[in-house]
Amino acid sequence: QVQLVESGGGLAQPGGSLRLSCAASGSNFSFNRMGWYRQGPGKERELVAIIISGGISGGSTNYADSVKGRFTISRDNAKNTMHLQMNSLKPEDTAVYYCNAARYSSRWYMYWGQGTQVTVSS
């Protein structure tokens, strides 16, 4: 059974940095894409960043406009881990951050972590 475990959340001051990690276990297959979502207080869950496997370059990334230039997503396929480096944090980045992994086999199979709280406050 696939398990995704996030770590690295916590409290940061505005302008500060945090690095989230997601460790995947229990799979004997590779994921077509992995990403980070977040859900702020009273808000719907939204996509933060995604990394897609394949292609000539070996993969591509996409970011929500609100985090472009501040957040960087990366993936270590050998270790089955994914990271989100968050710099220049803003109070509006406060949310529960969820790791997501997806694979396609006739249909999409989606897997979620339990979430990790990120709070940006002075």
N, C-alpha and C. Protein backbone atom coordinates (compact mmCIF):
# COMPACT_ATOMS: atom_id res chain seq x y z
N GLN A 1 0.85 -1.18 0.00
CA GLN A 1 0.00 0.00 0.00
C GLN A 1 0.89 1.24 0.00
N VAL A 2 0.56 2.15 -0.89
CA VAL A 2 1.36 3.36 -1.02
C VAL A 2 1.16 4.27 0.18
N GLN A 3 2.25 4.77 0.71
CA GLN A 3 2.20 5.74 1.80
C GLN A 3 3.06 6.95 1.44
N LEU A 4 2.52 8.12 1.71
CA LEU A 4 3.26 9.37 1.52
C LEU A 4 3.33 10.06 2.87
N VAL A 5 4.52 10.40 3.29
CA VAL A 5 4.71 11.02 4.59
C VAL A 5 5.43 12.34 4.42
N GLU A 6 4.76 13.43 4.83
CA GLU A 6 5.36 14.75 4.74
C GLU A 6 6.11 15.09 6.02
N SER A 7 7.08 15.96 5.89
CA SER A 7 7.81 16.49 7.04
C SER A 7 8.36 17.86 6.68
N GLY A 8 8.76 18.60 7.71
CA GLY A 8 9.40 19.89 7.48
C GLY A 8 8.53 21.10 7.68
N GLY A 9 7.28 20.90 8.01
CA GLY A 9 6.42 22.05 8.26
C GLY A 9 6.76 22.70 9.59
N GLY A 10 6.12 23.82 9.85
CA GLY A 10 6.37 24.51 11.12
C GLY A 10 6.06 25.98 11.01
N LEU A 11 6.67 26.74 11.90
CA LEU A 11 6.45 28.18 11.97
C LEU A 11 7.64 28.91 11.35
N ALA A 12 7.34 29.88 10.51
CA ALA A 12 8.38 30.71 9.91
C ALA A 12 7.93 32.16 9.94
N GLN A 13 8.89 33.05 9.98
CA GLN A 13 8.58 34.47 9.93
C GLN A 13 8.43 34.92 8.48
N PRO A 14 7.68 35.96 8.25
CA PRO A 14 7.60 36.50 6.88
C PRO A 14 9.00 36.78 6.33
N GLY A 15 9.22 36.34 5.10
CA GLY A 15 10.53 36.46 4.49
C GLY A 15 11.45 35.29 4.76
N GLY A 16 11.03 34.40 5.62
CA GLY A 16 11.83 33.24 5.97
C GLY A 16 11.67 32.09 4.99
N SER A 17 12.27 30.97 5.35
CA SER A 17 12.27 29.79 4.48
C SER A 17 11.92 28.53 5.26
N LEU A 18 11.35 27.60 4.55
CA LEU A 18 11.10 26.25 5.05
C LEU A 18 11.30 25.28 3.90
N ARG A 19 11.64 24.06 4.24
CA ARG A 19 11.79 23.01 3.22
C ARG A 19 10.93 21.83 3.62
N LEU A 20 9.98 21.51 2.77
CA LEU A 20 9.11 20.37 3.00
C LEU A 20 9.66 19.16 2.27
N SER A 21 9.46 18.00 2.86
CA SER A 21 9.86 16.75 2.23
C SER A 21 8.70 15.78 2.22
N CYS A 22 8.69 14.91 1.22
CA CYS A 22 7.67 13.88 1.10
C CYS A 22 8.37 12.58 0.76
N ALA A 23 8.18 11.58 1.60
CA ALA A 23 8.79 10.28 1.37
C ALA A 23 7.70 9.29 0.97
N ALA A 24 7.91 8.62 -0.15
CA ALA A 24 6.95 7.65 -0.65
C ALA A 24 7.46 6.25 -0.38
N SER A 25 6.55 5.38 0.02
CA SER A 25 6.92 3.98 0.27
C SER A 25 5.76 3.09 -0.13
N GLY A 26 6.05 1.80 -0.26
CA GLY A 26 5.00 0.82 -0.52
C GLY A 26 4.62 0.65 -1.97
N SER A 27 5.39 1.26 -2.88
CA SER A 27 5.05 1.11 -4.29
C SER A 27 6.17 0.40 -5.03
N ASN A 28 5.79 -0.42 -5.99
CA ASN A 28 6.78 -1.05 -6.86
C ASN A 28 6.69 -0.48 -8.26
N PHE A 29 6.19 0.73 -8.35
CA PHE A 29 6.07 1.40 -9.62
C PHE A 29 6.50 2.84 -9.42
N SER A 30 6.76 3.53 -10.52
CA SER A 30 7.12 4.93 -10.43
C SER A 30 5.88 5.79 -10.67
N PHE A 31 5.88 6.97 -10.13
CA PHE A 31 4.76 7.87 -10.29
C PHE A 31 4.97 8.75 -11.52
N ASN A 32 3.90 8.97 -12.26
CA ASN A 32 3.99 9.83 -13.43
C ASN A 32 4.19 11.29 -13.04
N ARG A 33 3.62 11.65 -11.92
CA ARG A 33 3.79 13.03 -11.46
C ARG A 33 3.65 13.07 -9.94
N MET A 34 4.30 14.05 -9.35
CA MET A 34 4.19 14.30 -7.92
C MET A 34 4.04 15.80 -7.73
N GLY A 35 3.39 16.16 -6.66
CA GLY A 35 3.17 17.58 -6.47
C GLY A 35 2.81 17.92 -5.04
N TRP A 36 2.72 19.22 -4.80
CA TRP A 36 2.31 19.75 -3.51
C TRP A 36 1.04 20.57 -3.69
N TYR A 37 0.10 20.34 -2.80
CA TYR A 37 -1.12 21.11 -2.73
C TYR A 37 -1.18 21.74 -1.34
N ARG A 38 -2.01 22.75 -1.21
CA ARG A 38 -2.19 23.35 0.11
C ARG A 38 -3.64 23.78 0.29
N GLN A 39 -4.03 23.83 1.56
CA GLN A 39 -5.37 24.29 1.91
C GLN A 39 -5.26 25.25 3.07
N GLY A 40 -5.53 26.51 2.79
CA GLY A 40 -5.49 27.53 3.82
C GLY A 40 -6.80 27.59 4.58
N PRO A 41 -6.82 28.31 5.70
CA PRO A 41 -8.04 28.42 6.52
C PRO A 41 -9.20 28.97 5.70
N GLY A 42 -10.29 28.20 5.66
CA GLY A 42 -11.47 28.64 4.93
C GLY A 42 -11.35 28.63 3.43
N LYS A 43 -10.31 27.99 2.92
CA LYS A 43 -10.10 27.96 1.48
C LYS A 43 -10.16 26.55 0.95
N GLU A 44 -10.31 26.44 -0.37
CA GLU A 44 -10.27 25.13 -1.00
C GLU A 44 -8.81 24.71 -1.22
N ARG A 45 -8.61 23.41 -1.37
CA ARG A 45 -7.28 22.91 -1.65
C ARG A 45 -6.86 23.38 -3.04
N GLU A 46 -5.61 23.84 -3.14
CA GLU A 46 -5.11 24.34 -4.41
C GLU A 46 -3.75 23.75 -4.73
N LEU A 47 -3.46 23.69 -6.01
CA LEU A 47 -2.17 23.20 -6.47
C LEU A 47 -1.10 24.25 -6.20
N VAL A 48 0.02 23.82 -5.64
CA VAL A 48 1.15 24.72 -5.41
C VAL A 48 2.22 24.51 -6.47
N ALA A 49 2.63 23.26 -6.62
CA ALA A 49 3.70 22.95 -7.58
C ALA A 49 3.59 21.48 -7.96
N ILE A 50 4.00 21.19 -9.17
CA ILE A 50 3.93 19.83 -9.66
C ILE A 50 5.17 19.53 -10.49
N ILE A 51 5.62 18.28 -10.41
CA ILE A 51 6.74 17.85 -11.22
C ILE A 51 6.31 16.60 -11.97
N ILE A 52 6.48 16.65 -13.29
CA ILE A 52 5.99 15.60 -14.16
C ILE A 52 7.17 14.85 -14.75
N SER A 53 7.12 13.53 -14.68
CA SER A 53 8.21 12.71 -15.20
C SER A 53 8.15 12.62 -16.71
N GLY A 54 9.33 12.31 -17.29
CA GLY A 54 9.36 12.05 -18.71
C GLY A 54 9.75 13.23 -19.55
N GLY A 55 9.65 13.06 -20.83
CA GLY A 55 10.03 14.11 -21.76
C GLY A 55 11.53 14.08 -22.02
N ILE A 56 11.93 14.88 -22.98
CA ILE A 56 13.32 14.91 -23.38
C ILE A 56 14.22 15.35 -22.22
N SER A 57 13.75 16.33 -21.48
CA SER A 57 14.55 16.88 -20.38
C SER A 57 14.48 16.03 -19.13
N GLY A 58 13.65 15.00 -19.17
CA GLY A 58 13.55 14.15 -18.00
C GLY A 58 12.45 14.55 -17.05
N GLY A 59 11.78 15.64 -17.33
CA GLY A 59 10.68 16.06 -16.48
C GLY A 59 10.43 17.54 -16.60
N SER A 60 9.29 17.97 -16.13
CA SER A 60 8.95 19.39 -16.18
C SER A 60 8.27 19.78 -14.88
N THR A 61 8.28 21.06 -14.60
CA THR A 61 7.67 21.57 -13.39
C THR A 61 6.69 22.68 -13.72
N ASN A 62 5.70 22.82 -12.88
CA ASN A 62 4.73 23.91 -12.99
C ASN A 62 4.42 24.44 -11.60
N TYR A 63 4.19 25.73 -11.53
CA TYR A 63 3.94 26.38 -10.24
C TYR A 63 2.71 27.25 -10.32
N ALA A 64 2.05 27.37 -9.19
CA ALA A 64 0.98 28.36 -9.08
C ALA A 64 1.60 29.75 -9.21
N ASP A 65 0.88 30.67 -9.81
CA ASP A 65 1.42 32.02 -9.99
C ASP A 65 1.83 32.65 -8.67
N SER A 66 1.12 32.33 -7.61
CA SER A 66 1.37 32.95 -6.32
C SER A 66 2.70 32.54 -5.70
N VAL A 67 3.31 31.45 -6.19
CA VAL A 67 4.56 30.98 -5.59
C VAL A 67 5.73 31.00 -6.57
N LYS A 68 5.48 31.35 -7.82
CA LYS A 68 6.56 31.38 -8.81
C LYS A 68 7.67 32.31 -8.37
N GLY A 69 8.89 31.81 -8.50
CA GLY A 69 10.05 32.61 -8.11
C GLY A 69 10.40 32.50 -6.64
N ARG A 70 9.51 31.91 -5.87
CA ARG A 70 9.77 31.77 -4.42
C ARG A 70 9.91 30.31 -4.00
N PHE A 71 9.13 29.43 -4.63
CA PHE A 71 9.15 28.02 -4.27
C PHE A 71 9.84 27.22 -5.37
N THR A 72 10.50 26.14 -4.96
CA THR A 72 11.14 25.24 -5.92
C THR A 72 10.81 23.80 -5.56
N ILE A 73 10.27 23.08 -6.51
CA ILE A 73 9.96 21.66 -6.30
C ILE A 73 11.06 20.82 -6.90
N SER A 74 11.40 19.73 -6.21
CA SER A 74 12.42 18.82 -6.74
C SER A 74 12.05 17.40 -6.35
N ARG A 75 12.65 16.46 -7.04
CA ARG A 75 12.32 15.06 -6.82
C ARG A 75 13.59 14.23 -6.93
N ASP A 76 13.73 13.29 -6.03
CA ASP A 76 14.84 12.34 -6.05
C ASP A 76 14.25 10.96 -6.32
N ASN A 77 14.29 10.52 -7.57
CA ASN A 77 13.65 9.25 -7.93
C ASN A 77 14.32 8.07 -7.25
N ALA A 78 15.63 8.15 -7.08
CA ALA A 78 16.36 7.03 -6.47
C ALA A 78 15.91 6.81 -5.02
N LYS A 79 15.58 7.91 -4.34
CA LYS A 79 15.17 7.81 -2.94
C LYS A 79 13.66 7.87 -2.77
N ASN A 80 12.95 8.04 -3.88
CA ASN A 80 11.49 8.15 -3.83
C ASN A 80 11.05 9.26 -2.90
N THR A 81 11.71 10.38 -3.01
CA THR A 81 11.36 11.53 -2.19
C THR A 81 11.13 12.77 -3.06
N MET A 82 10.43 13.72 -2.50
CA MET A 82 10.15 14.97 -3.18
C MET A 82 10.29 16.09 -2.15
N HIS A 83 10.71 17.24 -2.63
CA HIS A 83 10.92 18.36 -1.73
C HIS A 83 10.27 19.62 -2.27
N LEU A 84 9.96 20.53 -1.37
CA LEU A 84 9.49 21.85 -1.74
C LEU A 84 10.27 22.87 -0.93
N GLN A 85 11.15 23.58 -1.59
CA GLN A 85 11.90 24.64 -0.95
C GLN A 85 11.09 25.91 -1.05
N MET A 86 10.75 26.47 0.11
CA MET A 86 9.90 27.66 0.15
C MET A 86 10.70 28.83 0.71
N ASN A 87 10.92 29.82 -0.10
CA ASN A 87 11.65 31.01 0.30
C ASN A 87 10.74 32.23 0.26
N SER A 88 11.18 33.30 0.88
CA SER A 88 10.42 34.56 0.91
C SER A 88 8.97 34.30 1.29
N LEU A 89 8.79 33.57 2.35
CA LEU A 89 7.44 33.18 2.77
C LEU A 89 6.61 34.39 3.16
N LYS A 90 5.31 34.28 2.87
CA LYS A 90 4.36 35.33 3.18
C LYS A 90 3.27 34.76 4.09
N PRO A 91 2.61 35.61 4.86
CA PRO A 91 1.53 35.12 5.72
C PRO A 91 0.47 34.35 4.94
N GLU A 92 0.23 34.75 3.68
CA GLU A 92 -0.79 34.05 2.89
C GLU A 92 -0.35 32.65 2.45
N ASP A 93 0.89 32.29 2.73
CA ASP A 93 1.34 30.92 2.46
C ASP A 93 0.93 29.97 3.58
N THR A 94 0.38 30.51 4.66
CA THR A 94 -0.06 29.68 5.78
C THR A 94 -1.14 28.72 5.30
N ALA A 95 -0.90 27.43 5.54
CA ALA A 95 -1.83 26.41 5.07
C ALA A 95 -1.33 25.04 5.52
N VAL A 96 -2.18 24.06 5.34
CA VAL A 96 -1.74 22.67 5.45
C VAL A 96 -1.28 22.25 4.06
N TYR A 97 -0.06 21.75 3.98
CA TYR A 97 0.52 21.35 2.70
C TYR A 97 0.45 19.83 2.57
N TYR A 98 -0.03 19.40 1.42
CA TYR A 98 -0.23 17.97 1.16
C TYR A 98 0.66 17.51 0.02
N CYS A 99 1.27 16.37 0.22
CA CYS A 99 2.03 15.72 -0.84
C CYS A 99 1.06 14.87 -1.66
N ASN A 100 1.23 14.89 -2.96
CA ASN A 100 0.39 14.12 -3.86
C ASN A 100 1.26 13.36 -4.86
N ALA A 101 0.88 12.13 -5.14
CA ALA A 101 1.56 11.35 -6.16
C ALA A 101 0.51 10.70 -7.04
N ALA A 102 0.80 10.59 -8.32
CA ALA A 102 -0.18 10.04 -9.25
C ALA A 102 0.51 9.15 -10.28
N ARG A 103 -0.17 8.11 -10.63
CA ARG A 103 0.33 7.24 -11.70
C ARG A 103 -0.82 6.90 -12.63
N TYR A 104 -0.50 6.67 -13.89
CA TYR A 104 -1.52 6.36 -14.86
C TYR A 104 -1.37 4.91 -15.31
N SER A 105 -2.46 4.16 -15.16
CA SER A 105 -2.54 2.79 -15.64
C SER A 105 -3.98 2.54 -16.02
N SER A 106 -4.32 2.83 -17.23
CA SER A 106 -5.70 2.82 -17.73
C SER A 106 -6.52 3.97 -17.16
N ARG A 107 -6.23 4.36 -15.97
CA ARG A 107 -6.83 5.55 -15.35
C ARG A 107 -5.83 6.11 -14.36
N TRP A 108 -6.16 7.31 -13.84
CA TRP A 108 -5.26 7.92 -12.87
C TRP A 108 -5.53 7.36 -11.47
N TYR A 109 -4.45 7.03 -10.79
CA TYR A 109 -4.51 6.64 -9.39
C TYR A 109 -3.82 7.75 -8.59
N MET A 110 -4.54 8.30 -7.60
CA MET A 110 -4.03 9.42 -6.83
C MET A 110 -3.76 8.99 -5.39
N TYR A 111 -2.67 9.47 -4.85
CA TYR A 111 -2.29 9.16 -3.48
C TYR A 111 -1.97 10.46 -2.75
N TRP A 112 -2.34 10.50 -1.47
CA TRP A 112 -2.17 11.72 -0.68
C TRP A 112 -1.46 11.44 0.64
N GLY A 113 -0.67 12.40 1.07
CA GLY A 113 -0.11 12.35 2.41
C GLY A 113 -1.10 12.91 3.41
N GLN A 114 -0.71 12.91 4.68
CA GLN A 114 -1.62 13.35 5.74
C GLN A 114 -1.60 14.86 5.92
N GLY A 115 -0.61 15.52 5.36
CA GLY A 115 -0.53 16.97 5.44
C GLY A 115 0.43 17.43 6.53
N THR A 116 1.03 18.58 6.31
CA THR A 116 1.90 19.19 7.31
C THR A 116 1.58 20.68 7.37
N GLN A 117 1.49 21.20 8.58
CA GLN A 117 1.09 22.59 8.78
C GLN A 117 2.27 23.53 8.55
N VAL A 118 2.03 24.56 7.77
CA VAL A 118 3.00 25.65 7.59
C VAL A 118 2.32 26.94 8.05
N THR A 119 2.93 27.61 8.99
CA THR A 119 2.40 28.87 9.51
C THR A 119 3.45 29.95 9.33
N VAL A 120 3.05 31.02 8.67
CA VAL A 120 3.96 32.15 8.45
C VAL A 120 3.42 33.33 9.24
N SER A 121 4.14 33.72 10.27
CA SER A 121 3.66 34.77 11.15
C SER A 121 4.83 35.38 11.91
N SER A 122 4.70 36.66 12.20
CA SER A 122 5.73 37.33 13.00
C SER A 122 5.35 37.31 14.48
